[in-house]
PDB file of N, CA and C in Angstrom:
ATOM      1  N   MET A   1      54.990-104.369  69.421  1.00  0.00           N
ATOM      2  CA  MET A   1      55.119-105.276  70.121  1.00  0.00           C
ATOM      3  C   MET A   1      54.701-106.449  68.882  1.00  0.00           C
ATOM      4  N   LYS A   2      54.756-107.207  67.641  1.00  0.00           N
ATOM      5  CA  LYS A   2      53.960-108.117  67.003  1.00  0.00           C
ATOM      6  C   LYS A   2      53.656-109.552  67.535  1.00  0.00           C
ATOM      7  N   ILE A   3      52.565-109.983  67.789  1.00  0.00           N
ATOM      8  CA  ILE A   3      52.336-110.935  68.686  1.00  0.00           C
ATOM      9  C   ILE A   3      52.051-112.222  67.254  1.00  0.00           C
ATOM     10  N   LEU A   4      51.599-113.283  67.189  1.00  0.00           N
ATOM     11  CA  LEU A   4      51.263-114.056  66.479  1.00  0.00           C
ATOM     12  C   LEU A   4      50.430-115.447  67.132  1.00  0.00           C
ATOM     13  N   VAL A   5      48.984-115.282  67.073  1.00  0.00           N
ATOM     14  CA  VAL A   5      48.009-115.916  67.192  1.00  0.00           C
ATOM     15  C   VAL A   5      47.486-116.850  66.247  1.00  0.00           C
ATOM     16  N   ALA A   6      47.400-117.950  66.896  1.00  0.00           N
ATOM     17  CA  ALA A   6      47.328-120.032  66.337  1.00  0.00           C
ATOM     18  C   ALA A   6      45.785-119.813  67.097  1.00  0.00           C
ATOM     19  N   GLU A   7      44.656-120.549  66.496  1.00  0.00           N
ATOM     20  CA  GLU A   7      43.429-120.646  66.906  1.00  0.00           C
ATOM     21  C   GLU A   7      42.402-121.306  65.993  1.00  0.00           C
ATOM     22  N   ASP A   8      42.365-122.673  65.650  1.00  0.00           N
ATOM     23  CA  ASP A   8      41.296-122.406  65.697  1.00  0.00           C
ATOM     24  C   ASP A   8      40.122-122.576  65.147  1.00  0.00           C
ATOM     25  N   GLU A   9      39.714-122.130  66.421  1.00  0.00           N
ATOM     26  CA  GLU A   9      38.049-121.575  66.911  1.00  0.00           C
ATOM     27  C   GLU A   9      38.123-120.596  66.198  1.00  0.00           C
ATOM     28  N   PRO A  10      37.280-120.277  65.306  1.00  0.00           N
ATOM     29  CA  PRO A  10      37.213-118.552  64.691  1.00  0.00           C
ATOM     30  C   PRO A  10      36.819-117.719  65.524  1.00  0.00           C
ATOM     31  N   MET A  11      35.858-118.152  66.464  1.00  0.00           N
ATOM     32  CA  MET A  11      35.220-116.256  67.506  1.00  0.00           C
ATOM     33  C   MET A  11      36.386-116.242  68.408  1.00  0.00           C
ATOM     34  N   LEU A  12      37.201-117.572  68.919  1.00  0.00           N
ATOM     35  CA  LEU A  12      37.866-117.543  69.988  1.00  0.00           C
ATOM     36  C   LEU A  12      39.356-116.384  69.411  1.00  0.00           C
ATOM     37  N   LEU A  13      39.752-116.728  68.251  1.00  0.00           N
ATOM     38  CA  LEU A  13      40.574-115.784  67.277  1.00  0.00           C
ATOM     39  C   LEU A  13      40.374-114.019  66.826  1.00  0.00           C
ATOM     40  N   LYS A  14      39.186-114.633  66.978  1.00  0.00           N
ATOM     41  CA  LYS A  14      38.965-112.722  66.880  1.00  0.00           C
ATOM     42  C   LYS A  14      38.806-112.336  67.977  1.00  0.00           C
ATOM     43  N   THR A  15      38.539-112.773  69.078  1.00  0.00           N
ATOM     44  CA  THR A  15      38.226-112.332  70.653  1.00  0.00           C
ATOM     45  C   THR A  15      39.257-111.681  70.555  1.00  0.00           C
ATOM     46  N   ILE A  16      40.451-113.029  71.225  1.00  0.00           N
ATOM     47  CA  ILE A  16      42.251-112.715  71.486  1.00  0.00           C
ATOM     48  C   ILE A  16      42.925-110.857  70.681  1.00  0.00           C
ATOM     49  N   GLU A  17      42.397-111.661  69.415  1.00  0.00           N
ATOM     50  CA  GLU A  17      42.643-110.525  68.118  1.00  0.00           C
ATOM     51  C   GLU A  17      42.268-109.077  68.457  1.00  0.00           C
ATOM     52  N   LEU A  18      41.093-108.428  68.467  1.00  0.00           N
ATOM     53  CA  LEU A  18      40.423-107.301  69.334  1.00  0.00           C
ATOM     54  C   LEU A  18      41.322-107.211  70.740  1.00  0.00           C
ATOM     55  N   LYS A  19      41.017-107.797  71.238  1.00  0.00           N
ATOM     56  CA  LYS A  19      41.641-107.576  72.748  1.00  0.00           C
ATOM     57  C   LYS A  19      42.821-106.985  73.134  1.00  0.00           C
ATOM     58  N   LEU A  20      43.882-108.030  71.689  1.00  0.00           N
ATOM     59  CA  LEU A  20      45.190-107.569  72.094  1.00  0.00           C
ATOM     60  C   LEU A  20      45.889-106.461  71.360  1.00  0.00           C
ATOM     61  N   LYS A  21      45.155-106.004  70.440  1.00  0.00           N
ATOM     62  CA  LYS A  21      44.922-104.912  69.821  1.00  0.00           C
ATOM     63  C   LYS A  21      44.738-103.693  70.697  1.00  0.00           C
ATOM     64  N   LYS A  22      43.315-104.244  71.271  1.00  0.00           N
ATOM     65  CA  LYS A  22      43.171-103.058  71.807  1.00  0.00           C
ATOM     66  C   LYS A  22      44.022-102.301  73.025  1.00  0.00           C
ATOM     67  N   GLU A  23      44.739-103.539  73.640  1.00  0.00           N
ATOM     68  CA  GLU A  23      45.904-103.542  74.821  1.00  0.00           C
ATOM     69  C   GLU A  23      47.634-102.032  73.972  1.00  0.00           C
ATOM     70  N   GLY A  24      47.174-102.382  72.247  1.00  0.00           N
ATOM     71  CA  GLY A  24      48.425-101.994  71.558  1.00  0.00           C
ATOM     72  C   GLY A  24      49.069-102.414  71.021  1.00  0.00           C
ATOM     73  N   TYR A  25      48.678-104.118  70.786  1.00  0.00           N
ATOM     74  CA  TYR A  25      50.045-104.770  70.253  1.00  0.00           C
ATOM     75  C   TYR A  25      49.574-104.893  68.531  1.00  0.00           C
ATOM     76  N   GLU A  26      50.359-105.319  67.505  1.00  0.00           N
ATOM     77  CA  GLU A  26      50.250-105.506  66.262  1.00  0.00           C
ATOM     78  C   GLU A  26      50.166-107.672  66.475  1.00  0.00           C
ATOM     79  N   VAL A  27      48.748-108.040  65.787  1.00  0.00           N
ATOM     80  CA  VAL A  27      48.116-108.980  65.523  1.00  0.00           C
ATOM     81  C   VAL A  27      48.606-109.847  64.562  1.00  0.00           C
ATOM     82  N   ILE A  28      48.882-111.035  64.669  1.00  0.00           N
ATOM     83  CA  ILE A  28      48.980-111.154  63.158  1.00  0.00           C
ATOM     84  C   ILE A  28      47.722-113.036  63.959  1.00  0.00           C
ATOM     85  N   SER A  29      47.112-113.142  63.182  1.00  0.00           N
ATOM     86  CA  SER A  29      45.946-113.660  63.789  1.00  0.00           C
ATOM     87  C   SER A  29      46.053-115.162  62.346  1.00  0.00           C
ATOM     88  N   THR A  30      46.561-116.724  62.734  1.00  0.00           N
ATOM     89  CA  THR A  30      46.394-117.546  61.950  1.00  0.00           C
ATOM     90  C   THR A  30      45.151-118.896  62.508  1.00  0.00           C
ATOM     91  N   PRO A  31      44.630-119.659  61.318  1.00  0.00           N
ATOM     92  CA  PRO A  31      43.333-120.348  61.702  1.00  0.00           C
ATOM     93  C   PRO A  31      43.992-121.679  62.338  1.00  0.00           C
ATOM     94  N   ASP A  32      45.045-122.223  61.959  1.00  0.00           N
ATOM     95  CA  ASP A  32      45.542-123.234  61.962  1.00  0.00           C
ATOM     96  C   ASP A  32      47.277-123.382  62.306  1.00  0.00           C
ATOM     97  N   GLY A  33      47.986-124.772  62.622  1.00  0.00           N
ATOM     98  CA  GLY A  33      48.803-124.578  63.053  1.00  0.00           C
ATOM     99  C   GLY A  33      49.490-124.643  61.578  1.00  0.00           C
ATOM    100  N   ARG A  34      49.599-124.929  60.390  1.00  0.00           N
ATOM    101  CA  ARG A  34      50.599-124.852  59.400  1.00  0.00           C
ATOM    102  C   ARG A  34      50.532-123.547  58.565  1.00  0.00           C
ATOM    103  N   GLN A  35      49.408-122.575  58.621  1.00  0.00           N
ATOM    104  CA  GLN A  35      49.724-121.310  58.322  1.00  0.00           C
ATOM    105  C   GLN A  35      50.357-120.439  59.383  1.00  0.00           C
ATOM    106  N   ALA A  36      50.510-121.114  60.800  1.00  0.00           N
ATOM    107  CA  ALA A  36      51.151-120.427  61.832  1.00  0.00           C
ATOM    108  C   ALA A  36      52.527-120.713  61.072  1.00  0.00           C
ATOM    109  N   LEU A  37      52.961-122.064  60.841  1.00  0.00           N
ATOM    110  CA  LEU A  37      54.465-121.983  60.584  1.00  0.00           C
ATOM    111  C   LEU A  37      54.874-121.191  59.496  1.00  0.00           C
ATOM    112  N   GLU A  38      53.959-121.152  58.455  1.00  0.00           N
ATOM    113  CA  GLU A  38      54.476-120.271  56.666  1.00  0.00           C
ATOM    114  C   GLU A  38      54.716-118.703  57.681  1.00  0.00           C
ATOM    115  N   GLN A  39      53.800-117.886  58.854  1.00  0.00           N
ATOM    116  CA  GLN A  39      53.966-116.800  58.693  1.00  0.00           C
ATOM    117  C   GLN A  39      55.464-116.942  59.756  1.00  0.00           C
ATOM    118  N   LEU A  40      55.559-117.826  60.712  1.00  0.00           N
ATOM    119  CA  LEU A  40      57.022-117.928  61.469  1.00  0.00           C
ATOM    120  C   LEU A  40      58.283-118.396  60.394  1.00  0.00           C
ATOM    121  N   GLU A  41      57.784-118.724  59.512  1.00  0.00           N
ATOM    122  CA  GLU A  41      58.789-119.046  58.078  1.00  0.00           C
ATOM    123  C   GLU A  41      59.323-117.582  57.995  1.00  0.00           C
ATOM    124  N   LYS A  42      58.261-116.511  57.180  1.00  0.00           N
ATOM    125  CA  LYS A  42      57.544-114.872  56.893  1.00  0.00           C
ATOM    126  C   LYS A  42      59.175-114.420  58.040  1.00  0.00           C
ATOM    127  N   GLU A  43      58.162-113.955  59.275  1.00  0.00           N
ATOM    128  CA  GLU A  43      58.502-113.385  60.147  1.00  0.00           C
ATOM    129  C   GLU A  43      58.323-113.855  61.624  1.00  0.00           C
ATOM    130  N   MET A  44      59.065-113.218  62.395  1.00  0.00           N
ATOM    131  CA  MET A  44      58.989-114.286  63.926  1.00  0.00           C
ATOM    132  C   MET A  44      58.811-113.069  64.678  1.00  0.00           C
ATOM    133  N   PRO A  45      57.162-112.965  64.878  1.00  0.00           N
ATOM    134  CA  PRO A  45      56.811-112.031  65.914  1.00  0.00           C
ATOM    135  C   PRO A  45      57.499-112.485  67.352  1.00  0.00           C
ATOM    136  N   ASP A  46      56.808-111.012  68.292  1.00  0.00           N
ATOM    137  CA  ASP A  46      57.523-110.461  69.602  1.00  0.00           C
ATOM    138  C   ASP A  46      57.257-112.240  70.776  1.00  0.00           C
ATOM    139  N   LEU A  47      56.602-112.676  70.496  1.00  0.00           N
ATOM    140  CA  LEU A  47      55.503-113.092  71.172  1.00  0.00           C
ATOM    141  C   LEU A  47      53.984-114.437  70.900  1.00  0.00           C
ATOM    142  N   ILE A  48      54.254-116.023  70.918  1.00  0.00           N
ATOM    143  CA  ILE A  48      53.208-116.273  70.049  1.00  0.00           C
ATOM    144  C   ILE A  48      52.704-116.969  70.866  1.00  0.00           C
ATOM    145  N   ILE A  49      51.254-117.201  70.555  1.00  0.00           N
ATOM    146  CA  ILE A  49      50.033-117.343  71.480  1.00  0.00           C
ATOM    147  C   ILE A  49      49.657-118.493  71.012  1.00  0.00           C
ATOM    148  N   THR A  50      49.473-119.829  71.161  1.00  0.00           N
ATOM    149  CA  THR A  50      49.115-120.844  69.806  1.00  0.00           C
ATOM    150  C   THR A  50      48.253-121.412  71.292  1.00  0.00           C
ATOM    151  N   ASP A  51      47.281-122.646  70.572  1.00  0.00           N
ATOM    152  CA  ASP A  51      46.320-123.626  70.629  1.00  0.00           C
ATOM    153  C   ASP A  51      47.086-124.927  70.586  1.00  0.00           C
ATOM    154  N   ILE A  52      46.735-125.627  71.455  1.00  0.00           N
ATOM    155  CA  ILE A  52      47.313-127.094  71.360  1.00  0.00           C
ATOM    156  C   ILE A  52      47.154-127.933  69.767  1.00  0.00           C
ATOM    157  N   MET A  53      45.505-128.141  69.956  1.00  0.00           N
ATOM    158  CA  MET A  53      45.135-128.820  69.393  1.00  0.00           C
ATOM    159  C   MET A  53      44.393-128.402  68.275  1.00  0.00           C
ATOM    160  N   MET A  54      45.239-128.670  66.854  1.00  0.00           N
ATOM    161  CA  MET A  54      44.760-127.416  65.663  1.00  0.00           C
ATOM    162  C   MET A  54      44.823-128.819  64.677  1.00  0.00           C
ATOM    163  N   PRO A  55      44.315-128.252  63.347  1.00  0.00           N
ATOM    164  CA  PRO A  55      44.317-129.107  62.544  1.00  0.00           C
ATOM    165  C   PRO A  55      45.764-128.401  62.088  1.00  0.00           C
ATOM    166  N   TYR A  56      46.369-129.787  60.949  1.00  0.00           N
ATOM    167  CA  TYR A  56      47.597-129.566  59.923  1.00  0.00           C
ATOM    168  C   TYR A  56      48.725-130.050  61.348  1.00  0.00           C
ATOM    169  N   VAL A  57      49.156-128.760  61.763  1.00  0.00           N
ATOM    170  CA  VAL A  57      50.066-128.809  62.772  1.00  0.00           C
ATOM    171  C   VAL A  57      49.694-128.701  64.058  1.00  0.00           C
ATOM    172  N   SER A  58      50.404-128.884  65.066  1.00  0.00           N
ATOM    173  CA  SER A  58      50.016-129.085  66.915  1.00  0.00           C
ATOM    174  C   SER A  58      50.410-127.703  67.566  1.00  0.00           C
ATOM    175  N   GLY A  59      49.892-127.503  68.130  1.00  0.00           N
ATOM    176  CA  GLY A  59      50.929-126.100  69.009  1.00  0.00           C
ATOM    177  C   GLY A  59      52.278-126.867  69.590  1.00  0.00           C
ATOM    178  N   LEU A  60      52.054-128.068  69.952  1.00  0.00           N
ATOM    179  CA  LEU A  60      53.361-128.467  70.476  1.00  0.00           C
ATOM    180  C   LEU A  60      54.383-128.485  69.094  1.00  0.00           C
ATOM    181  N   GLU A  61      54.047-128.720  67.942  1.00  0.00           N
ATOM    182  CA  GLU A  61      55.059-128.753  66.614  1.00  0.00           C
ATOM    183  C   GLU A  61      55.162-127.095  66.313  1.00  0.00           C
ATOM    184  N   ILE A  62      54.040-126.472  66.422  1.00  0.00           N
ATOM    185  CA  ILE A  62      55.488-125.195  67.155  1.00  0.00           C
ATOM    186  C   ILE A  62      56.181-124.754  67.653  1.00  0.00           C
ATOM    187  N   ILE A  63      55.579-125.074  68.775  1.00  0.00           N
ATOM    188  CA  ILE A  63      56.921-125.240  69.470  1.00  0.00           C
ATOM    189  C   ILE A  63      58.416-125.972  69.566  1.00  0.00           C
ATOM    190  N   SER A  64      58.385-126.616  68.901  1.00  0.00           N
ATOM    191  CA  SER A  64      59.296-127.794  68.537  1.00  0.00           C
ATOM    192  C   SER A  64      59.921-126.771  67.472  1.00  0.00           C
ATOM    193  N   PHE A  65      58.872-126.498  66.133  1.00  0.00           N
ATOM    194  CA  PHE A  65      59.715-125.479  65.380  1.00  0.00           C
ATOM    195  C   PHE A  65      60.267-124.530  66.276  1.00  0.00           C
ATOM    196  N   VAL A  66      59.568-123.975  66.502  1.00  0.00           N
ATOM    197  CA  VAL A  66      60.556-122.430  67.017  1.00  0.00           C
ATOM    198  C   VAL A  66      62.007-123.012  67.987  1.00  0.00           C
ATOM    199  N   ARG A  67      61.719-124.003  69.589  1.00  0.00           N
ATOM    200  CA  ARG A  67      62.734-123.797  69.491  1.00  0.00           C
ATOM    201  C   ARG A  67      63.774-124.414  69.256  1.00  0.00           C
ATOM    202  N   GLN A  68      63.601-125.692  68.859  1.00  0.00           N
ATOM    203  CA  GLN A  68      64.794-126.245  67.799  1.00  0.00           C
ATOM    204  C   GLN A  68      65.501-125.685  66.500  1.00  0.00           C
ATOM    205  N   LYS A  69      64.051-126.259  65.236  1.00  0.00           N
ATOM    206  CA  LYS A  69      64.918-125.726  64.281  1.00  0.00           C
ATOM    207  C   LYS A  69      64.905-124.141  63.832  1.00  0.00           C
ATOM    208  N   MET A  70      64.607-123.326  64.078  1.00  0.00           N
ATOM    209  CA  MET A  70      64.141-121.638  64.367  1.00  0.00           C
ATOM    210  C   MET A  70      65.706-121.509  65.659  1.00  0.00           C
ATOM    211  N   ASN A  71      66.123-122.486  66.243  1.00  0.00           N
ATOM    212  CA  ASN A  71      66.597-121.762  67.607  1.00  0.00           C
ATOM    213  C   ASN A  71      66.083-120.306  68.145  1.00  0.00           C
ATOM    214  N   LYS A  72      65.148-120.321  68.117  1.00  0.00           N
ATOM    215  CA  LYS A  72      64.554-118.700  69.116  1.00  0.00           C
ATOM    216  C   LYS A  72      63.855-119.053  70.389  1.00  0.00           C
ATOM    217  N   LYS A  73      64.121-117.899  71.091  1.00  0.00           N
ATOM    218  CA  LYS A  73      63.262-118.108  72.523  1.00  0.00           C
ATOM    219  C   LYS A  73      62.301-117.194  72.410  1.00  0.00           C
ATOM    220  N   THR A  74      61.935-116.954  71.596  1.00  0.00           N
ATOM    221  CA  THR A  74      60.863-116.167  71.622  1.00  0.00           C
ATOM    222  C   THR A  74      59.885-116.618  72.898  1.00  0.00           C
ATOM    223  N   PRO A  75      58.890-115.587  73.204  1.00  0.00           N
ATOM    224  CA  PRO A  75      58.055-115.956  74.119  1.00  0.00           C
ATOM    225  C   PRO A  75      57.181-117.259  73.925  1.00  0.00           C
ATOM    226  N   ILE A  76      56.836-118.159  74.562  1.00  0.00           N
ATOM    227  CA  ILE A  76      54.907-118.569  73.898  1.00  0.00           C
ATOM    228  C   ILE A  76      54.513-118.839  74.809  1.00  0.00           C
ATOM    229  N   ILE A  77      52.798-118.842  74.954  1.00  0.00           N
ATOM    230  CA  ILE A  77      51.884-119.243  75.897  1.00  0.00           C
ATOM    231  C   ILE A  77      51.154-120.301  74.856  1.00  0.00           C
ATOM    232  N   MET A  78      50.964-121.449  75.777  1.00  0.00           N
ATOM    233  CA  MET A  78      50.408-122.353  75.281  1.00  0.00           C
ATOM    234  C   MET A  78      48.462-122.239  76.010  1.00  0.00           C
ATOM    235  N   LEU A  79      47.640-122.325  74.691  1.00  0.00           N
ATOM    236  CA  LEU A  79      46.372-121.919  74.850  1.00  0.00           C
ATOM    237  C   LEU A  79      45.682-123.980  74.862  1.00  0.00           C
ATOM    238  N   SER A  80      45.290-124.486  75.410  1.00  0.00           N
ATOM    239  CA  SER A  80      44.194-125.815  75.419  1.00  0.00           C
ATOM    240  C   SER A  80      43.260-125.577  76.567  1.00  0.00           C
ATOM    241  N   ALA A  81      41.731-126.187  76.157  1.00  0.00           N
ATOM    242  CA  ALA A  81      41.130-126.948  77.211  1.00  0.00           C
ATOM    243  C   ALA A  81      41.446-128.117  77.481  1.00  0.00           C
ATOM    244  N   MET A  82      42.178-128.865  77.185  1.00  0.00           N
ATOM    245  CA  MET A  82      42.686-130.431  78.127  1.00  0.00           C
ATOM    246  C   MET A  82      43.530-129.950  79.107  1.00  0.00           C
ATOM    247  N   GLU A  83      43.076-130.891  79.915  1.00  0.00           N
ATOM    248  CA  GLU A  83      43.678-130.352  81.499  1.00  0.00           C
ATOM    249  C   GLU A  83      44.407-131.633  81.517  1.00  0.00           C
ATOM    250  N   GLN A  84      44.767-132.032  81.051  1.00  0.00           N
ATOM    251  CA  GLN A  84      46.123-133.595  80.424  1.00  0.00           C
ATOM    252  C   GLN A  84      47.390-132.979  81.144  1.00  0.00           C
ATOM    253  N   GLU A  85      47.663-133.352  82.516  1.00  0.00           N
ATOM    254  CA  GLU A  85      49.372-132.956  82.929  1.00  0.00           C
ATOM    255  C   GLU A  85      50.247-133.617  82.018  1.00  0.00           C
ATOM    256  N   LYS A  86      50.235-134.925  81.230  1.00  0.00           N
ATOM    257  CA  LYS A  86      51.253-135.004  80.004  1.00  0.00           C
ATOM    258  C   LYS A  86      51.600-134.003  79.170  1.00  0.00           C
ATOM    259  N   VAL A  87      50.573-133.802  78.613  1.00  0.00           N
ATOM    260  CA  VAL A  87      50.634-132.657  77.684  1.00  0.00           C
ATOM    261  C   VAL A  87      50.699-131.590  77.633  1.00  0.00           C
ATOM    262  N   VAL A  88      51.227-131.052  79.246  1.00  0.00           N
ATOM    263  CA  VAL A  88      51.029-129.713  80.385  1.00  0.00           C
ATOM    264  C   VAL A  88      53.024-129.533  80.006  1.00  0.00           C
ATOM    265  N   MET A  89      53.084-131.101  79.791  1.00  0.00           N
ATOM    266  CA  MET A  89      54.349-131.428  80.658  1.00  0.00           C
ATOM    267  C   MET A  89      55.289-131.551  79.882  1.00  0.00           C
ATOM    268  N   GLU A  90      54.582-132.012  78.841  1.00  0.00           N
ATOM    269  CA  GLU A  90      55.312-131.617  76.936  1.00  0.00           C
ATOM    270  C   GLU A  90      55.557-130.686  76.305  1.00  0.00           C
ATOM    271  N   ALA A  91      54.806-129.841  76.422  1.00  0.00           N
ATOM    272  CA  ALA A  91      54.382-128.543  76.473  1.00  0.00           C
ATOM    273  C   ALA A  91      55.621-127.791  76.691  1.00  0.00           C
ATOM    274  N   PHE A  92      56.328-127.510  78.189  1.00  0.00           N
ATOM    275  CA  PHE A  92      57.016-127.166  79.085  1.00  0.00           C
ATOM    276  C   PHE A  92      58.310-127.647  78.742  1.00  0.00           C
ATOM    277  N   GLU A  93      58.206-128.865  78.264  1.00  0.00           N
ATOM    278  CA  GLU A  93      59.962-129.420  78.242  1.00  0.00           C
ATOM    279  C   GLU A  93      60.182-129.179  76.533  1.00  0.00           C
ATOM    280  N   LEU A  94      59.245-129.052  75.775  1.00  0.00           N
ATOM    281  CA  LEU A  94      59.783-128.578  74.026  1.00  0.00           C
ATOM    282  C   LEU A  94      59.825-126.684  74.299  1.00  0.00           C
ATOM    283  N   GLY A  95      59.624-126.464  75.425  1.00  0.00           N
ATOM    284  CA  GLY A  95      59.903-124.756  75.703  1.00  0.00           C
ATOM    285  C   GLY A  95      59.013-123.823  75.880  1.00  0.00           C
ATOM    286  N   ALA A  96      57.200-123.967  75.999  1.00  0.00           N
ATOM    287  CA  ALA A  96      56.576-123.477  76.152  1.00  0.00           C
ATOM    288  C   ALA A  96      56.920-122.305  77.253  1.00  0.00           C
ATOM    289  N   ASP A  97      56.778-121.056  77.403  1.00  0.00           N
ATOM    290  CA  ASP A  97      56.891-119.838  78.117  1.00  0.00           C
ATOM    291  C   ASP A  97      55.597-120.046  79.708  1.00  0.00           C
ATOM    292  N   ASP A  98      54.648-120.654  79.014  1.00  0.00           N
ATOM    293  CA  ASP A  98      53.485-120.342  80.107  1.00  0.00           C
ATOM    294  C   ASP A  98      52.198-120.595  79.515  1.00  0.00           C
ATOM    295  N   TYR A  99      51.095-120.945  80.447  1.00  0.00           N
ATOM    296  CA  TYR A  99      49.687-122.301  80.115  1.00  0.00           C
ATOM    297  C   TYR A  99      48.660-121.844  80.056  1.00  0.00           C
ATOM    298  N   ILE A 100      47.940-121.208  79.618  1.00  0.00           N
ATOM    299  CA  ILE A 100      46.219-121.344  80.051  1.00  0.00           C
ATOM    300  C   ILE A 100      45.519-121.730  79.927  1.00  0.00           C
ATOM    301  N   THR A 101      44.824-122.613  80.762  1.00  0.00           N
ATOM    302  CA  THR A 101      43.353-123.569  80.141  1.00  0.00           C
ATOM    303  C   THR A 101      42.250-122.770  79.838  1.00  0.00           C
ATOM    304  N   LYS A 102      41.796-123.307  78.809  1.00  0.00           N
ATOM    305  CA  LYS A 102      39.992-122.938  78.172  1.00  0.00           C
ATOM    306  C   LYS A 102      38.883-123.106  79.028  1.00  0.00           C
ATOM    307  N   PRO A 103      37.811-122.565  79.413  1.00  0.00           N
ATOM    308  CA  PRO A 103      38.060-121.432  79.333  1.00  0.00           C
ATOM    309  C   PRO A 103      39.008-120.300  80.096  1.00  0.00           C
ATOM    310  N   PHE A 104      39.094-119.270  79.571  1.00  0.00           N
ATOM    311  CA  PHE A 104      39.879-118.214  80.380  1.00  0.00           C
ATOM    312  C   PHE A 104      39.456-117.068  80.093  1.00  0.00           C
ATOM    313  N   SER A 105      39.994-115.892  80.765  1.00  0.00           N
ATOM    314  CA  SER A 105      39.752-114.455  81.020  1.00  0.00           C
ATOM    315  C   SER A 105      40.763-113.595  80.107  1.00  0.00           C
ATOM    316  N   LEU A 106      40.099-113.186  79.382  1.00  0.00           N
ATOM    317  CA  LEU A 106      40.964-112.304  78.566  1.00  0.00           C
ATOM    318  C   LEU A 106      41.790-110.967  78.877  1.00  0.00           C
ATOM    319  N   ASN A 107      41.267-110.437  79.983  1.00  0.00           N
ATOM    320  CA  ASN A 107      42.332-109.506  81.119  1.00  0.00           C
ATOM    321  C   ASN A 107      43.434-110.283  82.022  1.00  0.00           C
ATOM    322  N   GLU A 108      43.406-112.034  81.902  1.00  0.00           N
ATOM    323  CA  GLU A 108      44.297-112.913  82.455  1.00  0.00           C
ATOM    324  C   GLU A 108      45.505-112.722  81.107  1.00  0.00           C
ATOM    325  N   LEU A 109      44.852-112.810  80.413  1.00  0.00           N
ATOM    326  CA  LEU A 109      45.595-113.158  78.976  1.00  0.00           C
ATOM    327  C   LEU A 109      46.308-112.125  78.720  1.00  0.00           C
ATOM    328  N   ALA A 110      45.689-111.422  78.720  1.00  0.00           N
ATOM    329  CA  ALA A 110      46.868-109.767  78.207  1.00  0.00           C
ATOM    330  C   ALA A 110      47.458-109.534  79.518  1.00  0.00           C
ATOM    331  N   ILE A 111      47.141-109.652  81.116  1.00  0.00           N
ATOM    332  CA  ILE A 111      48.439-109.708  81.804  1.00  0.00           C
ATOM    333  C   ILE A 111      49.436-110.510  81.981  1.00  0.00           C
ATOM    334  N   ARG A 112      49.251-112.175  81.345  1.00  0.00           N
ATOM    335  CA  ARG A 112      50.647-112.984  80.733  1.00  0.00           C
ATOM    336  C   ARG A 112      51.594-112.426  79.745  1.00  0.00           C
ATOM    337  N   VAL A 113      50.710-111.875  79.137  1.00  0.00           N
ATOM    338  CA  VAL A 113      51.200-111.732  77.740  1.00  0.00           C
ATOM    339  C   VAL A 113      52.503-110.322  78.255  1.00  0.00           C
ATOM    340  N   LYS A 114      51.743-109.093  79.235  1.00  0.00           N
ATOM    341  CA  LYS A 114      52.417-108.008  79.145  1.00  0.00           C
ATOM    342  C   LYS A 114      53.389-108.225  80.106  1.00  0.00           C
ATOM    343  N   ARG A 115      53.336-109.418  80.916  1.00  0.00           N
ATOM    344  CA  ARG A 115      54.477-110.333  82.018  1.00  0.00           C
ATOM    345  C   ARG A 115      55.836-110.108  80.764  1.00  0.00           C
ATOM    346  N   LEU A 116      55.119-111.657  79.837  1.00  0.00           N
ATOM    347  CA  LEU A 116      56.220-112.273  79.360  1.00  0.00           C
ATOM    348  C   LEU A 116      57.320-111.307  78.445  1.00  0.00           C
ATOM    349  N   SER A 117      56.190-109.939  78.348  1.00  0.00           N
ATOM    350  CA  SER A 117      57.241-109.257  76.730  1.00  0.00           C
ATOM    351  C   SER A 117      57.790-107.784  77.603  1.00  0.00           C
ATOM    352  N   ALA A 118      57.527-107.758  79.566  1.00  0.00           N
ATOM    353  CA  ALA A 118      58.345-107.251  79.676  1.00  0.00           C
ATOM    354  C   ALA A 118      59.349-107.615  80.610  1.00  0.00           C
ATOM    355  N   ARG A 119      59.317-109.193  80.346  1.00  0.00           N
ATOM    356  CA  ARG A 119      60.572-109.930  80.957  1.00  0.00           C
ATOM    357  C   ARG A 119      61.537-110.024  79.876  1.00  0.00           C
ATOM    358  N   ARG A 120      61.022-110.612  78.419  1.00  0.00           N
ATOM    359  CA  ARG A 120      61.622-110.631  77.446  1.00  0.00           C
ATOM    360  C   ARG A 120      62.484-109.114  77.603  1.00  0.00           C
ATOM    361  N   GLY A 121      62.424-108.253  77.922  1.00  0.00           N
ATOM    362  CA  GLY A 121      63.059-106.791  78.061  1.00  0.00           C
ATOM    363  C   GLY A 121      62.766-106.154  76.953  1.00  0.00           C
TER     364      GLY A 121
END
């Protein structure tokens, strides 16, 4: 299973990548929203993990791109330090499948990835 991770915090991006690879997933890491969109245009992953606040293109714009422009149902997990209900609600309205507030446990992330991938079939 291939997972795209979009996160602008370099240490967190590397940590997530290492954890997911250890769990047996193929990981495509992108340090900002623009590179995430470029990657999505090349190849659609099986699951997307994206930060909300990133340079160039936000996580909300990534969700919108995947759901509206590409018309894909690829599972999307949002990450953010923000606990603003309005932003979380907007993410879900745009089509996010799950939301994790930073800081979070890598084991929790791995379980949520496993749950979404199992649900996807």
